[in-house]
Amino acid sequence: MAKHRSNYLIDQLISNKLSRSELDEFLAGLHNEEAMQAYSEALETHFKTLLGQQENLPESAQNGT
């Protein structure tokens, strides 16, 4: 599976837009070392982005007040 396709599948999964056939493709990739590495890299990038956004929020927003 191409890295671009793996990134696309992760993006669709995160945004809750994964179709049934894409879900099947994603799950099949869990048995493929190359796809797993691409999934891992895409998820790491996503979570680092989320952490960066969290750090840029005003403190009141971070505390939920």
N, C-alpha and C. Protein backbone atom coordinates (compact mmCIF):
# COMPACT_ATOMS: atom_id res chain seq x y z
N MET A 1 0.86 -1.18 0.00
CA MET A 1 0.00 0.00 0.00
C MET A 1 0.90 1.24 0.00
N ALA A 2 0.58 2.17 -0.84
CA ALA A 2 1.38 3.38 -0.94
C ALA A 2 1.19 4.23 0.31
N LYS A 3 2.24 4.96 0.67
CA LYS A 3 2.19 5.81 1.86
C LYS A 3 1.07 6.85 1.74
N HIS A 4 0.91 7.38 0.55
CA HIS A 4 -0.15 8.37 0.32
C HIS A 4 -1.52 7.77 0.65
N ARG A 5 -1.73 6.55 0.23
CA ARG A 5 -3.02 5.89 0.48
C ARG A 5 -3.21 5.64 1.98
N SER A 6 -2.16 5.23 2.64
CA SER A 6 -2.23 5.02 4.09
C SER A 6 -2.59 6.31 4.81
N ASN A 7 -1.97 7.40 4.41
CA ASN A 7 -2.27 8.71 5.01
C ASN A 7 -3.73 9.09 4.77
N TYR A 8 -4.20 8.84 3.55
CA TYR A 8 -5.59 9.12 3.22
C TYR A 8 -6.53 8.33 4.13
N LEU A 9 -6.26 7.04 4.31
CA LEU A 9 -7.12 6.20 5.14
C LEU A 9 -7.14 6.68 6.59
N ILE A 10 -5.99 7.06 7.10
CA ILE A 10 -5.92 7.59 8.47
C ILE A 10 -6.72 8.89 8.57
N ASP A 11 -6.57 9.77 7.59
CA ASP A 11 -7.32 11.02 7.59
C ASP A 11 -8.82 10.76 7.58
N GLN A 12 -9.25 9.81 6.77
CA GLN A 12 -10.67 9.46 6.70
C GLN A 12 -11.14 8.86 8.04
N LEU A 13 -10.31 8.03 8.64
CA LEU A 13 -10.65 7.41 9.92
C LEU A 13 -10.80 8.48 11.00
N ILE A 14 -9.85 9.40 11.08
CA ILE A 14 -9.87 10.45 12.09
C ILE A 14 -11.08 11.35 11.91
N SER A 15 -11.44 11.64 10.68
CA SER A 15 -12.57 12.53 10.42
C SER A 15 -13.90 11.80 10.37
N ASN A 16 -13.88 10.50 10.67
CA ASN A 16 -15.08 9.67 10.70
C ASN A 16 -15.80 9.64 9.35
N LYS A 17 -15.02 9.56 8.28
CA LYS A 17 -15.58 9.52 6.92
C LYS A 17 -15.16 8.26 6.17
N LEU A 18 -14.68 7.28 6.89
CA LEU A 18 -14.20 6.04 6.28
C LEU A 18 -15.37 5.21 5.77
N SER A 19 -15.34 4.88 4.49
CA SER A 19 -16.39 4.02 3.94
C SER A 19 -16.14 2.58 4.35
N ARG A 20 -17.11 1.72 4.11
CA ARG A 20 -16.96 0.30 4.44
C ARG A 20 -15.78 -0.31 3.71
N SER A 21 -15.64 -0.02 2.43
CA SER A 21 -14.52 -0.60 1.66
C SER A 21 -13.19 -0.02 2.12
N GLU A 22 -13.18 1.26 2.51
CA GLU A 22 -11.94 1.85 3.04
C GLU A 22 -11.60 1.25 4.40
N LEU A 23 -12.61 0.98 5.21
CA LEU A 23 -12.37 0.32 6.49
C LEU A 23 -11.76 -1.06 6.26
N ASP A 24 -12.29 -1.80 5.33
CA ASP A 24 -11.73 -3.12 5.01
C ASP A 24 -10.27 -3.00 4.56
N GLU A 25 -10.00 -1.99 3.73
CA GLU A 25 -8.64 -1.77 3.26
C GLU A 25 -7.72 -1.38 4.42
N PHE A 26 -8.22 -0.52 5.31
CA PHE A 26 -7.45 -0.12 6.48
C PHE A 26 -7.12 -1.32 7.36
N LEU A 27 -8.13 -2.13 7.62
CA LEU A 27 -7.93 -3.31 8.47
C LEU A 27 -6.95 -4.30 7.84
N ALA A 28 -7.02 -4.46 6.53
CA ALA A 28 -6.07 -5.34 5.84
C ALA A 28 -4.66 -4.81 6.00
N GLY A 29 -4.52 -3.48 6.02
CA GLY A 29 -3.20 -2.87 6.20
C GLY A 29 -2.58 -3.15 7.55
N LEU A 30 -3.41 -3.52 8.53
CA LEU A 30 -2.88 -3.83 9.86
C LEU A 30 -2.03 -5.10 9.84
N HIS A 31 -2.10 -5.85 8.76
CA HIS A 31 -1.31 -7.07 8.62
C HIS A 31 -0.13 -6.86 7.68
N ASN A 32 0.12 -5.60 7.32
CA ASN A 32 1.18 -5.26 6.38
C ASN A 32 2.15 -4.32 7.08
N GLU A 33 3.40 -4.73 7.19
CA GLU A 33 4.39 -3.96 7.94
C GLU A 33 4.59 -2.56 7.37
N GLU A 34 4.62 -2.44 6.06
CA GLU A 34 4.81 -1.14 5.42
C GLU A 34 3.62 -0.21 5.70
N ALA A 35 2.42 -0.74 5.62
CA ALA A 35 1.23 0.05 5.90
C ALA A 35 1.19 0.43 7.38
N MET A 36 1.55 -0.48 8.25
CA MET A 36 1.57 -0.19 9.68
C MET A 36 2.52 0.96 9.99
N GLN A 37 3.68 0.98 9.35
CA GLN A 37 4.64 2.06 9.55
C GLN A 37 4.03 3.39 9.08
N ALA A 38 3.39 3.37 7.93
CA ALA A 38 2.75 4.58 7.40
C ALA A 38 1.62 5.05 8.32
N TYR A 39 0.83 4.10 8.84
CA TYR A 39 -0.24 4.45 9.77
C TYR A 39 0.36 5.11 11.02
N SER A 40 1.42 4.50 11.53
CA SER A 40 2.07 5.01 12.72
C SER A 40 2.58 6.43 12.52
N GLU A 41 3.22 6.68 11.39
CA GLU A 41 3.74 8.01 11.10
C GLU A 41 2.60 9.03 10.95
N ALA A 42 1.53 8.64 10.28
CA ALA A 42 0.40 9.54 10.08
C ALA A 42 -0.27 9.87 11.42
N LEU A 43 -0.44 8.87 12.27
CA LEU A 43 -1.06 9.10 13.58
C LEU A 43 -0.16 9.95 14.47
N GLU A 44 1.15 9.71 14.41
CA GLU A 44 2.08 10.52 15.19
C GLU A 44 2.00 11.99 14.77
N THR A 45 1.97 12.23 13.47
CA THR A 45 1.84 13.60 12.97
C THR A 45 0.54 14.23 13.45
N HIS A 46 -0.53 13.48 13.36
CA HIS A 46 -1.84 13.99 13.80
C HIS A 46 -1.81 14.36 15.29
N PHE A 47 -1.30 13.48 16.12
CA PHE A 47 -1.30 13.74 17.56
C PHE A 47 -0.35 14.88 17.93
N LYS A 48 0.76 15.02 17.22
CA LYS A 48 1.65 16.16 17.47
C LYS A 48 0.95 17.46 17.10
N THR A 49 0.17 17.44 16.04
CA THR A 49 -0.61 18.62 15.65
C THR A 49 -1.62 18.97 16.74
N LEU A 50 -2.29 17.96 17.26
CA LEU A 50 -3.25 18.19 18.34
C LEU A 50 -2.57 18.77 19.58
N LEU A 51 -1.41 18.24 19.92
CA LEU A 51 -0.67 18.76 21.07
C LEU A 51 -0.25 20.20 20.84
N GLY A 52 0.18 20.51 19.64
CA GLY A 52 0.55 21.88 19.31
C GLY A 52 -0.62 22.82 19.43
N GLN A 53 -1.78 22.38 18.99
CA GLN A 53 -2.99 23.20 19.11
C GLN A 53 -3.34 23.41 20.58
N GLN A 54 -3.19 22.38 21.37
CA GLN A 54 -3.50 22.46 22.80
C GLN A 54 -2.57 23.47 23.48
N GLU A 55 -1.30 23.47 23.11
CA GLU A 55 -0.33 24.38 23.71
C GLU A 55 -0.62 25.83 23.35
N ASN A 56 -1.26 26.06 22.22
CA ASN A 56 -1.55 27.42 21.77
C ASN A 56 -2.87 27.97 22.29
N LEU A 57 -3.64 27.15 22.99
CA LEU A 57 -4.91 27.61 23.56
C LEU A 57 -4.65 28.46 24.80
N PRO A 58 -5.50 29.45 25.04
CA PRO A 58 -5.39 30.19 26.30
C PRO A 58 -5.59 29.23 27.46
N GLU A 59 -4.98 29.52 28.59
CA GLU A 59 -5.04 28.61 29.73
C GLU A 59 -6.47 28.34 30.18
N SER A 60 -7.35 29.33 30.09
CA SER A 60 -8.74 29.12 30.51
C SER A 60 -9.43 28.06 29.64
N ALA A 61 -9.10 28.02 28.35
CA ALA A 61 -9.67 27.03 27.45
C ALA A 61 -9.12 25.65 27.74
N GLN A 62 -7.86 25.57 28.15
CA GLN A 62 -7.26 24.27 28.46
C GLN A 62 -7.87 23.67 29.72
N ASN A 63 -8.28 24.53 30.65
CA ASN A 63 -8.85 24.05 31.92
C ASN A 63 -10.35 23.87 31.84
N GLY A 64 -10.94 24.21 30.71
CA GLY A 64 -12.37 24.05 30.55
C GLY A 64 -13.19 25.11 31.25
N THR A 65 -12.56 26.23 31.55
CA THR A 65 -13.30 27.31 32.22
C THR A 65 -13.46 28.50 31.31
